[in-house]
Amino acid sequence: MKQLLLALASGFLFVLGWPTYGFPLLLFFAFVPLLLLEHNIRHSDVKRKGLKVFGLSYLSFFIWNALTTSWLIYASPFGAAFAVFVNSALMAMLLLIYHKLAKRSSLNRSLLFLVTLWISFEKLHLGWEFSWPWLNLGNGFSEYITWIQWYEYTGTFGGTLWVLLLNVFVFKTVLRFQKEQSKALIKPFVLKFAAFVLIPIGISTVIYANYSHEGDTVNVIVLQPNIDPYSEKYDMSNLKMAEIFTELSNTKITDSTDFILAPETVFAQSVKLRQFERSLLKNTLDQYVNKYPNINLLTGMSFIDVIRDESKVRSETNQYNATTWYDDYNSAILINSSDSVQYYNKSKLVVGIENFPYQHVLKPLIGDAMIDLGGTVAMKTTQDYRGVLTSSNNKFKAAPIICYESVYGEFVTGYVRNEANFLAIITNDAWWNDTQGHKQHLSLARLRAIETRRDIARSANTGISAIINARGDITSRIAYDQKGALSGQLITNDKLTFYVIAGDYIARISIFIMLFVFLIGFYRKKRQTL
């Protein structure tokens, strides 16, 4: 019963520390009950110790995953179940691996292994085909931006390292207290813990209070059409949506407006890519631009590209029949007074909705269940570089970040290294209804502002559209389930932060250390541990 209570305690500490409702200070204690139960099991006489460690830690992580991300069920019940069950199992597996090494190694070495193993896992979660980094620990501070202004140097892995090191410190202190039973340990523990928490916060607060940058002013309008994707959006013609686009834009547009942002796939009826520039929709949008020659329209669009040459078929290409294939794009486009349209194709795809991971293995087993959303079964096609969309006067370079891509820190730095001087996030958060999903998604965007020191304009179909400054402050917004347009000003920035230059270096160092400690731990004589 004691071990069960410890497992429950860890699970709920993670939940209560998570944005957007939680208090992240609790994350500094969330691993401690798990580490204590593992320690107790390892030093007990029970059988099947590894199975017990895995089962109890799975319970903890299942509580965390289920209570913070179960809103996925509104978009895909299968995808939600898969994400919760599999992600919980992967996290529990880390505790099991730590348990196996801890039996053969010293306390300090095994804890070092756990810290670097967890960071390595988070890095894996950013890059493999089952990518789901929503619960990476560094994301937990997204509502407390005054605590983490130093993310411009570390990215979110700095936050993950902070959480893990504090948990290790608390855990070791608890073990020492259990052994010595001395109240004299309490005061130095409180002082050290306060220092480990308050010094980074203090440094961040100073950075926050003194941060500023100089650049050109971008006058933007972000649109929030508030179209229900389940009942309206995909039944509405693109020309009808163009009318709504014009109606909303006209409520805020002035002669000084530089950019108008419309959400992801706001033009949802798929257009043949090679015919778009001759289409009636393109002509309609061009007519609007001609009225305001300085305007740049950045909007989401669904494209398909029909392929009849089998040599051009890629792994992401969908097959229509024996002789015809097609690429299905979730794109951002920029239309302005220049002659050509600029394109960017979404490249970080939502697992189980836009992407079928390891389909050669899984598709024979489960069919198209992983990408069956509203009767549509199609893989999205991506691109391998972070395209930047440039204004007609060449002064403004927008990073066209589409929806889920805004969760990936190092991925977003690719736009900035390609000279983006502000970030434009276009998204459709209506799939998750009025849950934590759209709130967390907005909150995570604030981390990208800090990491890159770029202002953000965020256009959501049904979510929360917002203007976010380079410190991560939300300066204005349109509330959920509201239709409207929001005007605001961004300041461009051409300077590169250390994180933009170095990327996820903390994770790369951790992978090296983890492998080194693993080899030492498993290929040397077993020793007596604490």
Protein backbone atom coordinates (compact mmCIF):
# COMPACT_ATOMS: atom_id res chain seq x y z
CA MET A 1 0.00 0.00 0.00
CA LYS A 2 2.84 2.40 0.81
CA GLN A 3 4.38 1.94 -2.64
CA LEU A 4 0.98 2.48 -4.28
CA LEU A 5 0.50 5.75 -2.41
CA LEU A 6 3.96 6.90 -3.50
CA ALA A 7 3.09 6.11 -7.13
CA LEU A 8 -0.17 8.05 -6.84
CA ALA A 9 1.64 10.97 -5.20
CA SER A 10 4.09 11.27 -8.10
CA GLY A 11 1.34 11.14 -10.69
CA PHE A 12 -0.69 13.89 -9.08
CA LEU A 13 2.35 16.08 -8.40
CA PHE A 14 3.07 16.04 -12.14
CA VAL A 15 -0.56 16.89 -12.90
CA LEU A 16 -0.79 19.69 -10.35
CA GLY A 17 2.48 21.18 -11.55
CA TRP A 18 1.52 21.26 -15.24
CA PRO A 19 0.33 24.26 -17.26
CA THR A 20 -1.93 25.97 -17.70
CA TYR A 21 -3.59 25.56 -14.32
CA GLY A 22 -0.74 24.11 -12.23
CA PHE A 23 2.09 25.50 -10.10
CA PRO A 24 5.45 24.33 -11.51
CA LEU A 25 7.22 24.38 -8.15
CA LEU A 26 5.56 20.98 -7.58
CA LEU A 27 7.56 19.53 -10.48
CA PHE A 28 10.67 19.83 -8.31
CA PHE A 29 9.21 17.11 -6.06
CA ALA A 30 7.28 14.98 -8.57
CA PHE A 31 9.94 12.32 -9.13
CA VAL A 32 10.79 11.94 -5.42
CA PRO A 33 7.97 9.50 -4.50
CA LEU A 34 8.83 7.40 -7.57
CA LEU A 35 12.50 7.32 -6.63
CA LEU A 36 11.62 6.36 -3.08
CA LEU A 37 9.37 3.50 -4.16
CA GLU A 38 12.06 2.22 -6.53
CA HIS A 39 14.63 2.44 -3.73
CA ASN A 40 12.31 0.60 -1.33
CA ILE A 41 11.55 -2.16 -3.82
CA ARG A 42 15.21 -2.58 -4.76
CA HIS A 43 16.21 -3.08 -1.13
CA SER A 44 13.27 -5.33 -0.25
CA ASP A 45 12.86 -9.10 -0.41
CA VAL A 46 9.92 -9.03 -2.84
CA LYS A 47 10.04 -11.06 -6.03
CA ARG A 48 9.85 -9.62 -9.54
CA LYS A 49 11.21 -6.28 -8.45
CA GLY A 50 11.55 -4.97 -11.99
CA LEU A 51 7.93 -5.75 -12.79
CA LYS A 52 6.77 -3.91 -9.65
CA VAL A 53 8.90 -0.88 -10.48
CA PHE A 54 7.54 -0.80 -14.01
CA GLY A 55 3.91 -1.28 -12.95
CA LEU A 56 3.91 1.38 -10.23
CA SER A 57 5.81 3.92 -12.29
CA TYR A 58 3.43 3.22 -15.18
CA LEU A 59 0.56 4.15 -12.88
CA SER A 60 2.26 7.47 -12.04
CA PHE A 61 2.92 8.36 -15.64
CA PHE A 62 -0.49 7.19 -16.78
CA ILE A 63 -2.10 9.63 -14.32
CA TRP A 64 0.12 12.43 -15.64
CA ASN A 65 -0.49 11.64 -19.31
CA ALA A 66 -4.21 10.94 -18.98
CA LEU A 67 -5.14 13.98 -16.90
CA THR A 68 -3.08 16.49 -18.88
CA THR A 69 -3.46 15.29 -22.50
CA SER A 70 -6.67 13.26 -22.65
CA TRP A 71 -8.22 16.17 -24.59
CA LEU A 72 -6.70 14.48 -27.65
CA ILE A 73 -9.74 12.22 -27.63
CA TYR A 74 -11.79 14.98 -29.28
CA ALA A 75 -9.58 14.80 -32.37
CA SER A 76 -8.85 11.08 -32.47
CA PRO A 77 -9.96 8.54 -29.83
CA PHE A 78 -7.47 6.00 -31.16
CA GLY A 79 -4.67 8.60 -31.23
CA ALA A 80 -5.48 9.76 -27.71
CA ALA A 81 -5.46 6.23 -26.32
CA PHE A 82 -2.27 5.42 -28.18
CA ALA A 83 -0.50 8.56 -26.94
CA VAL A 84 -1.50 8.07 -23.31
CA PHE A 85 -0.84 4.34 -23.06
CA VAL A 86 2.38 4.25 -25.08
CA ASN A 87 3.91 7.43 -23.67
CA SER A 88 3.23 6.20 -20.14
CA ALA A 89 4.90 2.90 -20.98
CA LEU A 90 7.96 4.61 -22.43
CA MET A 91 8.35 6.77 -19.32
CA ALA A 92 7.94 3.75 -17.06
CA MET A 93 10.56 1.91 -19.08
CA LEU A 94 13.06 4.65 -18.17
CA LEU A 95 12.47 3.97 -14.47
CA LEU A 96 12.93 0.26 -15.09
CA ILE A 97 16.25 0.83 -16.88
CA TYR A 98 17.34 3.08 -14.01
CA HIS A 99 16.32 0.34 -11.56
CA LYS A 100 18.45 -2.23 -13.40
CA LEU A 101 21.52 0.01 -13.41
CA ALA A 102 21.02 1.16 -9.80
CA LYS A 103 21.44 -2.46 -8.65
CA ARG A 104 24.93 -2.47 -10.13
CA SER A 105 26.15 1.04 -9.46
CA SER A 106 26.56 3.73 -6.82
CA LEU A 107 23.75 6.08 -5.89
CA ASN A 108 25.36 9.14 -7.47
CA ARG A 109 26.24 7.34 -10.68
CA SER A 110 22.79 5.80 -11.05
CA LEU A 111 21.09 9.16 -10.45
CA LEU A 112 23.38 10.80 -12.99
CA PHE A 113 22.31 8.07 -15.38
CA LEU A 114 18.62 8.74 -14.69
CA VAL A 115 18.98 12.49 -15.31
CA THR A 116 20.80 12.01 -18.60
CA LEU A 117 18.55 9.10 -19.62
CA TRP A 118 15.42 11.21 -19.16
CA ILE A 119 16.89 14.11 -21.13
CA SER A 120 17.94 11.69 -23.88
CA PHE A 121 14.39 10.34 -23.97
CA GLU A 122 12.98 13.85 -24.36
CA LYS A 123 15.40 14.46 -27.22
CA LEU A 124 14.29 11.21 -28.86
CA HIS A 125 10.70 12.35 -28.51
CA LEU A 126 11.49 15.41 -30.61
CA GLY A 127 12.80 13.48 -33.56
CA TRP A 128 11.43 9.99 -34.05
CA GLU A 129 8.23 9.05 -35.89
CA PHE A 130 6.23 8.65 -32.66
CA SER A 131 7.19 12.18 -31.65
CA TRP A 132 5.09 13.50 -28.76
CA PRO A 133 7.11 16.05 -26.75
CA TRP A 134 4.10 17.75 -25.16
CA LEU A 135 5.11 16.55 -21.69
CA ASN A 136 8.81 17.35 -21.89
CA LEU A 137 9.58 18.73 -18.44
CA GLY A 138 10.93 22.07 -19.61
CA ASN A 139 7.48 22.88 -21.01
CA GLY A 140 6.13 22.94 -17.46
CA PHE A 141 7.15 26.58 -16.89
CA SER A 142 5.35 28.05 -19.90
CA GLU A 143 2.93 30.07 -17.74
CA TYR A 144 5.75 31.37 -15.50
CA ILE A 145 7.88 33.10 -18.09
CA THR A 146 9.58 35.39 -15.57
CA TRP A 147 11.23 32.26 -14.15
CA ILE A 148 12.81 31.06 -17.41
CA GLN A 149 14.12 33.97 -19.42
CA TRP A 150 17.43 32.06 -19.54
CA TYR A 151 15.79 29.67 -22.03
CA GLU A 152 17.38 31.95 -24.65
CA TYR A 153 20.62 30.19 -23.63
CA THR A 154 19.40 26.66 -22.84
CA GLY A 155 16.06 26.06 -24.53
CA THR A 156 13.52 23.93 -22.68
CA PHE A 157 16.16 21.33 -21.86
CA GLY A 158 17.50 23.83 -19.33
CA GLY A 159 14.15 23.59 -17.58
CA THR A 160 14.18 19.79 -17.77
CA LEU A 161 17.67 19.69 -16.23
CA TRP A 162 16.54 22.10 -13.49
CA VAL A 163 13.57 19.88 -12.58
CA LEU A 164 15.60 16.68 -12.56
CA LEU A 165 18.48 18.07 -10.50
CA LEU A 166 16.11 19.46 -7.85
CA ASN A 167 14.32 16.10 -7.62
CA VAL A 168 17.65 14.32 -7.20
CA PHE A 169 18.67 16.77 -4.46
CA VAL A 170 15.39 16.31 -2.58
CA PHE A 171 15.52 12.52 -2.96
CA LYS A 172 19.08 12.27 -1.63
CA THR A 173 18.19 14.49 1.30
CA VAL A 174 15.17 12.29 2.15
CA LEU A 175 17.38 9.18 2.08
CA ARG A 176 19.90 10.83 4.33
CA PHE A 177 17.19 11.94 6.73
CA GLN A 178 15.77 8.40 6.86
CA LYS A 179 19.22 7.09 7.69
CA GLU A 180 20.32 9.71 10.25
CA GLN A 181 16.94 10.84 11.66
CA SER A 182 18.48 14.23 12.46
CA LYS A 183 16.46 17.43 12.45
CA ALA A 184 19.71 19.30 11.91
CA LEU A 185 19.43 18.34 8.22
CA ILE A 186 16.24 20.34 7.71
CA LYS A 187 17.64 23.88 7.85
CA PRO A 188 20.53 23.36 5.39
CA PHE A 189 18.16 21.48 3.09
CA VAL A 190 15.65 24.35 3.06
CA LEU A 191 18.40 26.91 2.43
CA LYS A 192 20.02 24.93 -0.38
CA PHE A 193 16.68 24.10 -1.99
CA ALA A 194 15.64 27.76 -1.85
CA ALA A 195 18.95 28.77 -3.42
CA PHE A 196 18.64 26.20 -6.22
CA VAL A 197 15.16 27.51 -7.00
CA LEU A 198 15.50 31.23 -6.36
CA ILE A 199 18.88 31.92 -7.97
CA PRO A 200 17.74 30.86 -11.48
CA ILE A 201 14.46 32.72 -10.95
CA GLY A 202 16.35 35.79 -9.78
CA ILE A 203 18.64 35.73 -12.81
CA SER A 204 15.60 35.32 -15.05
CA THR A 205 13.77 38.20 -13.39
CA VAL A 206 16.73 40.50 -14.01
CA ILE A 207 16.87 39.45 -17.67
CA TYR A 208 13.12 39.96 -18.00
CA ALA A 209 13.22 43.44 -16.48
CA ASN A 210 16.09 44.58 -18.69
CA TYR A 211 15.40 42.85 -21.98
CA SER A 212 14.64 44.90 -25.08
CA HIS A 213 15.59 44.86 -28.73
CA GLU A 214 15.49 47.29 -31.61
CA GLY A 215 14.03 46.62 -35.02
CA ASP A 216 11.40 47.58 -37.54
CA THR A 217 7.74 47.73 -36.60
CA VAL A 218 5.44 45.20 -38.28
CA ASN A 219 1.76 46.11 -38.21
CA VAL A 220 -0.17 42.87 -38.23
CA ILE A 221 -3.76 41.67 -38.23
CA VAL A 222 -4.50 38.14 -37.02
CA LEU A 223 -7.83 36.59 -37.93
CA GLN A 224 -9.92 34.16 -35.90
CA PRO A 225 -12.81 32.94 -38.11
CA ASN A 226 -14.15 30.58 -35.42
CA ILE A 227 -15.36 27.96 -37.91
CA ASP A 228 -16.29 24.59 -36.42
CA PRO A 229 -14.10 22.01 -38.23
CA TYR A 230 -16.49 19.19 -37.40
CA SER A 231 -19.63 20.74 -38.89
CA GLU A 232 -18.71 23.71 -41.11
CA LYS A 233 -15.11 24.15 -42.13
CA TYR A 234 -14.66 21.29 -44.56
CA ASP A 235 -18.08 21.84 -46.13
CA MET A 236 -17.43 25.53 -46.83
CA SER A 237 -16.14 26.56 -50.24
CA ASN A 238 -12.84 28.40 -50.46
CA LEU A 239 -14.58 31.36 -52.07
CA LYS A 240 -17.01 31.61 -49.17
CA MET A 241 -14.06 31.51 -46.79
CA ALA A 242 -12.44 34.29 -48.83
CA GLU A 243 -15.53 36.41 -48.13
CA ILE A 244 -15.13 35.79 -44.39
CA PHE A 245 -11.41 36.55 -44.70
CA THR A 246 -12.19 39.89 -46.35
CA GLU A 247 -14.96 40.73 -43.89
CA LEU A 248 -12.74 40.16 -40.84
CA SER A 249 -9.72 41.91 -42.35
CA ASN A 250 -11.72 44.99 -43.23
CA THR A 251 -12.62 45.57 -39.58
CA LYS A 252 -8.97 46.34 -38.76
CA ILE A 253 -7.07 47.10 -41.96
CA THR A 254 -5.38 50.47 -42.48
CA ASP A 255 -2.90 51.87 -44.96
CA SER A 256 -0.08 51.00 -42.52
CA THR A 257 -0.99 47.32 -42.19
CA ASP A 258 1.90 45.06 -43.27
CA PHE A 259 0.66 41.51 -42.65
CA ILE A 260 -2.67 39.74 -42.40
CA LEU A 261 -2.51 36.25 -40.88
CA ALA A 262 -5.24 33.66 -41.35
CA PRO A 263 -5.26 30.25 -39.66
CA GLU A 264 -3.98 26.85 -40.68
CA THR A 265 -5.97 25.32 -43.58
CA VAL A 266 -8.46 28.18 -43.44
CA PHE A 267 -8.94 27.39 -47.12
CA ALA A 268 -9.74 23.78 -46.41
CA GLN A 269 -11.00 22.50 -49.76
CA SER A 270 -7.91 21.03 -51.36
CA VAL A 271 -6.62 22.95 -54.35
CA LYS A 272 -4.47 21.32 -57.03
CA LEU A 273 -1.05 22.79 -56.41
CA ARG A 274 -0.14 23.33 -60.05
CA GLN A 275 -3.41 25.07 -60.81
CA PHE A 276 -3.60 27.42 -57.83
CA GLU A 277 -1.95 30.45 -59.43
CA ARG A 278 -4.54 30.35 -62.22
CA SER A 279 -7.49 29.71 -59.91
CA LEU A 280 -10.47 31.92 -59.08
CA LEU A 281 -9.44 31.84 -55.40
CA LYS A 282 -5.99 33.23 -56.20
CA ASN A 283 -7.59 35.92 -58.38
CA THR A 284 -9.93 36.86 -55.51
CA LEU A 285 -7.04 37.22 -53.08
CA ASP A 286 -5.02 39.17 -55.65
CA GLN A 287 -7.88 41.66 -56.01
CA TYR A 288 -7.77 42.29 -52.29
CA VAL A 289 -3.99 42.81 -52.38
CA ASN A 290 -4.37 45.27 -55.26
CA LYS A 291 -6.50 47.47 -53.01
CA TYR A 292 -3.69 47.53 -50.41
CA PRO A 293 -0.38 47.16 -52.29
CA ASN A 294 1.71 47.01 -49.10
CA ILE A 295 -0.26 44.08 -47.68
CA ASN A 296 1.18 40.59 -47.28
CA LEU A 297 -1.42 37.84 -46.88
CA LEU A 298 -0.08 34.85 -44.94
CA THR A 299 -2.65 32.11 -44.77
CA GLY A 300 -3.12 28.38 -44.41
CA MET A 301 -4.12 26.31 -47.43
CA SER A 302 -4.74 22.66 -48.31
CA PHE A 303 -3.07 21.50 -51.51
CA ILE A 304 -2.83 18.25 -53.40
CA ASP A 305 -0.34 17.44 -56.12
CA VAL A 306 -1.40 14.62 -58.45
CA ILE A 307 1.44 12.30 -59.53
CA ARG A 308 1.37 9.85 -62.42
CA ASP A 309 5.11 9.19 -62.60
CA GLU A 310 5.94 6.41 -60.14
CA SER A 311 9.57 7.56 -59.92
CA LYS A 312 8.36 10.72 -58.13
CA VAL A 313 6.51 8.80 -55.42
CA ARG A 314 7.91 9.38 -51.90
CA SER A 315 7.35 7.61 -48.60
CA GLU A 316 4.71 10.21 -47.67
CA THR A 317 2.91 10.01 -51.01
CA ASN A 318 -0.61 8.58 -50.99
CA GLN A 319 -1.84 6.10 -53.59
CA TYR A 320 -5.15 6.83 -55.32
CA ASN A 321 -5.25 3.89 -57.71
CA ALA A 322 -2.86 1.60 -59.56
CA THR A 323 -1.48 4.40 -61.76
CA THR A 324 -2.14 7.58 -59.76
CA TRP A 325 -0.65 8.95 -56.54
CA TYR A 326 -0.93 12.28 -54.78
CA ASP A 327 0.92 14.41 -52.25
CA ASP A 328 -1.34 16.03 -49.65
CA TYR A 329 0.03 19.31 -48.26
CA ASN A 330 -0.89 21.35 -45.20
CA SER A 331 0.68 24.60 -46.37
CA ALA A 332 1.27 28.22 -45.55
CA ILE A 333 1.33 30.65 -48.46
CA LEU A 334 2.25 34.30 -48.81
CA ILE A 335 0.51 36.48 -51.40
CA ASN A 336 1.56 40.08 -51.97
CA SER A 337 2.21 42.49 -54.81
CA SER A 338 5.13 40.44 -56.13
CA ASP A 339 4.56 38.15 -59.08
CA SER A 340 4.81 34.75 -57.39
CA VAL A 341 3.30 32.96 -54.41
CA GLN A 342 5.61 31.79 -51.62
CA TYR A 343 4.94 28.35 -50.14
CA TYR A 344 5.85 26.42 -47.02
CA ASN A 345 4.63 22.89 -46.23
CA LYS A 346 4.01 21.75 -42.67
CA SER A 347 6.81 19.40 -41.68
CA LYS A 348 6.21 18.40 -38.06
CA LEU A 349 3.09 16.28 -38.28
CA VAL A 350 0.65 15.17 -35.61
CA VAL A 351 1.18 11.46 -35.01
CA GLY A 352 -1.90 9.39 -35.78
CA ILE A 353 -3.71 12.25 -37.51
CA GLU A 354 -1.39 13.61 -40.21
CA ASN A 355 1.35 11.01 -40.06
CA PHE A 356 1.39 7.21 -39.94
CA PRO A 357 4.59 6.29 -38.06
CA TYR A 358 6.51 3.21 -39.17
CA GLN A 359 3.67 2.40 -41.53
CA HIS A 360 5.53 -0.48 -43.19
CA VAL A 361 5.36 -2.30 -39.86
CA LEU A 362 2.07 -1.06 -38.42
CA LYS A 363 -0.20 -0.72 -41.44
CA PRO A 364 -0.43 -4.48 -42.07
CA LEU A 365 -1.45 -4.89 -38.42
CA ILE A 366 -3.97 -2.09 -37.86
CA GLY A 367 -4.85 -0.77 -41.30
CA ASP A 368 -5.48 2.98 -41.62
CA ALA A 369 -6.82 3.41 -38.06
CA MET A 370 -4.03 5.79 -37.06
CA ILE A 371 -4.88 8.42 -39.68
CA ASP A 372 -8.63 8.01 -39.96
CA LEU A 373 -9.93 11.46 -39.02
CA GLY A 374 -13.46 12.32 -40.06
CA GLY A 375 -13.36 9.81 -42.88
CA THR A 376 -10.15 11.24 -44.35
CA VAL A 377 -7.23 8.86 -44.63
CA ALA A 378 -4.18 10.61 -46.04
CA MET A 379 -0.57 11.14 -45.11
CA LYS A 380 0.68 14.72 -45.27
CA THR A 381 3.77 15.48 -47.32
CA THR A 382 6.54 17.56 -45.73
CA GLN A 383 9.64 19.47 -46.74
CA ASP A 384 13.16 19.19 -45.32
CA TYR A 385 14.01 22.87 -44.80
CA ARG A 386 12.47 25.73 -42.84
CA GLY A 387 11.22 28.12 -45.48
CA VAL A 388 10.87 31.81 -44.61
CA LEU A 389 8.20 34.00 -46.23
CA THR A 390 9.41 37.46 -47.22
CA SER A 391 7.33 40.63 -47.51
CA SER A 392 7.08 42.56 -50.76
CA ASN A 393 9.46 45.25 -49.45
CA ASN A 394 11.98 42.59 -48.26
CA LYS A 395 12.05 44.11 -44.75
CA PHE A 396 9.97 41.49 -42.97
CA LYS A 397 10.72 37.77 -42.93
CA ALA A 398 8.09 35.61 -41.30
CA ALA A 399 8.62 32.12 -39.94
CA PRO A 400 5.45 30.28 -41.08
CA ILE A 401 5.00 27.90 -38.14
CA ILE A 402 2.01 25.64 -38.65
CA CYS A 403 0.17 24.37 -35.56
CA TYR A 404 2.05 21.46 -33.93
CA GLU A 405 5.41 22.77 -35.17
CA SER A 406 5.31 25.44 -32.46
CA VAL A 407 5.95 22.74 -29.83
CA TYR A 408 9.47 22.07 -31.18
CA GLY A 409 12.16 24.45 -29.96
CA GLU A 410 15.16 23.50 -32.09
CA PHE A 411 12.89 23.02 -35.10
CA VAL A 412 11.72 26.64 -34.82
CA THR A 413 15.31 27.88 -34.60
CA GLY A 414 15.72 26.63 -38.18
CA TYR A 415 13.47 29.44 -39.40
CA VAL A 416 15.45 31.98 -37.41
CA ARG A 417 18.77 30.73 -38.76
CA ASN A 418 17.18 31.24 -42.19
CA GLU A 419 16.76 34.92 -41.27
CA ALA A 420 13.17 35.03 -39.97
CA ASN A 421 12.84 38.22 -37.94
CA PHE A 422 9.43 37.42 -36.45
CA LEU A 423 7.35 34.28 -35.92
CA ALA A 424 3.92 33.72 -37.48
CA ILE A 425 2.01 30.80 -35.97
CA ILE A 426 -1.10 29.66 -37.81
CA THR A 427 -3.14 26.92 -36.19
CA ASN A 428 -6.51 25.24 -35.88
CA ASP A 429 -7.09 24.31 -32.23
CA ALA A 430 -10.81 23.65 -32.55
CA TRP A 431 -10.29 19.88 -32.70
CA TRP A 432 -9.90 19.78 -28.91
CA ASN A 433 -12.97 21.80 -27.92
CA ASP A 434 -12.76 24.04 -24.85
CA THR A 435 -10.17 21.95 -23.00
CA GLN A 436 -6.60 22.35 -21.81
CA GLY A 437 -5.44 21.45 -25.33
CA HIS A 438 -5.76 24.87 -26.94
CA LYS A 439 -4.66 26.63 -23.74
CA GLN A 440 -1.48 24.56 -23.45
CA HIS A 441 -0.75 25.02 -27.16
CA LEU A 442 -0.86 28.81 -26.81
CA SER A 443 1.23 28.62 -23.64
CA LEU A 444 3.98 26.61 -25.33
CA ALA A 445 4.29 29.26 -28.03
CA ARG A 446 5.55 31.65 -25.35
CA LEU A 447 8.63 29.43 -24.92
CA ARG A 448 9.51 29.86 -28.60
CA ALA A 449 9.42 33.65 -28.19
CA ILE A 450 11.94 33.48 -25.34
CA GLU A 451 14.23 30.93 -26.99
CA THR A 452 14.49 32.91 -30.23
CA ARG A 453 13.75 36.43 -28.91
CA ARG A 454 11.25 36.89 -31.70
CA ASP A 455 7.83 38.52 -31.42
CA ILE A 456 4.95 36.26 -32.42
CA ALA A 457 1.67 36.80 -34.23
CA ARG A 458 -0.61 33.80 -33.68
CA SER A 459 -3.74 33.19 -35.74
CA ALA A 460 -6.04 30.40 -34.55
CA ASN A 461 -9.21 29.29 -36.27
CA THR A 462 -10.99 28.40 -33.04
CA GLY A 463 -8.51 28.67 -30.24
CA ILE A 464 -6.80 31.75 -28.88
CA SER A 465 -5.29 34.19 -31.35
CA ALA A 466 -2.67 36.42 -29.79
CA ILE A 467 0.25 38.80 -30.02
CA ILE A 468 3.26 37.65 -27.97
CA ASN A 469 6.38 39.72 -27.43
CA ALA A 470 9.96 38.46 -27.31
CA ARG A 471 9.84 38.11 -23.51
CA GLY A 472 6.91 35.70 -23.81
CA ASP A 473 4.25 38.16 -22.64
CA ILE A 474 0.84 37.82 -24.28
CA THR A 475 0.11 41.47 -25.00
CA SER A 476 -3.33 40.97 -26.59
CA ARG A 477 -5.61 38.10 -27.53
CA ILE A 478 -8.97 36.98 -28.86
CA ALA A 479 -10.75 34.64 -26.46
CA TYR A 480 -11.68 31.07 -27.30
CA ASP A 481 -14.88 30.59 -29.32
CA GLN A 482 -14.90 34.22 -30.45
CA LYS A 483 -14.94 35.41 -34.07
CA GLY A 484 -12.90 38.48 -34.84
CA ALA A 485 -9.68 40.18 -35.90
CA LEU A 486 -6.86 41.44 -33.73
CA SER A 487 -4.46 44.19 -34.74
CA GLY A 488 -1.10 44.72 -33.13
CA GLN A 489 2.53 45.61 -33.61
CA LEU A 490 5.59 43.38 -33.63
CA ILE A 491 9.22 44.46 -33.49
CA THR A 492 11.57 42.55 -35.76
CA ASN A 493 14.86 41.15 -34.44
CA ASP A 494 17.85 40.03 -36.49
CA LYS A 495 20.08 38.92 -33.61
CA LEU A 496 20.57 35.23 -32.86
CA THR A 497 20.32 33.92 -29.32
CA PHE A 498 22.80 31.37 -28.00
CA TYR A 499 20.09 28.72 -28.17
CA VAL A 500 19.34 29.49 -31.82
CA ILE A 501 23.04 28.98 -32.59
CA ALA A 502 23.72 25.97 -30.34
CA GLY A 503 20.34 24.21 -30.36
CA ASP A 504 19.67 21.32 -27.99
CA TYR A 505 23.27 21.04 -26.80
CA ILE A 506 22.19 20.01 -23.28
CA ALA A 507 20.46 16.98 -24.77
CA ARG A 508 23.45 16.06 -26.94
CA ILE A 509 25.82 16.23 -23.98
CA SER A 510 23.37 14.19 -21.93
CA ILE A 511 23.21 11.44 -24.57
CA PHE A 512 26.99 11.12 -24.47
CA ILE A 513 27.10 11.00 -20.66
CA MET A 514 24.18 8.57 -20.51
CA LEU A 515 25.88 6.11 -22.88
CA PHE A 516 29.17 6.40 -20.99
CA VAL A 517 27.55 5.74 -17.59
CA PHE A 518 25.46 2.93 -19.07
CA LEU A 519 28.54 1.15 -20.39
CA ILE A 520 30.36 1.54 -17.08
CA GLY A 521 27.35 0.40 -15.09
CA PHE A 522 26.49 -2.71 -17.08
CA TYR A 523 29.97 -3.88 -18.02
CA ARG A 524 31.69 -3.89 -14.68
CA LYS A 525 31.49 -6.09 -11.62
CA LYS A 526 28.28 -5.64 -9.61
CA ARG A 527 28.89 -3.65 -6.42
CA GLN A 528 27.03 -3.08 -3.20
CA THR A 529 24.77 -0.03 -3.47
CA LEU A 530 23.00 2.15 -0.94
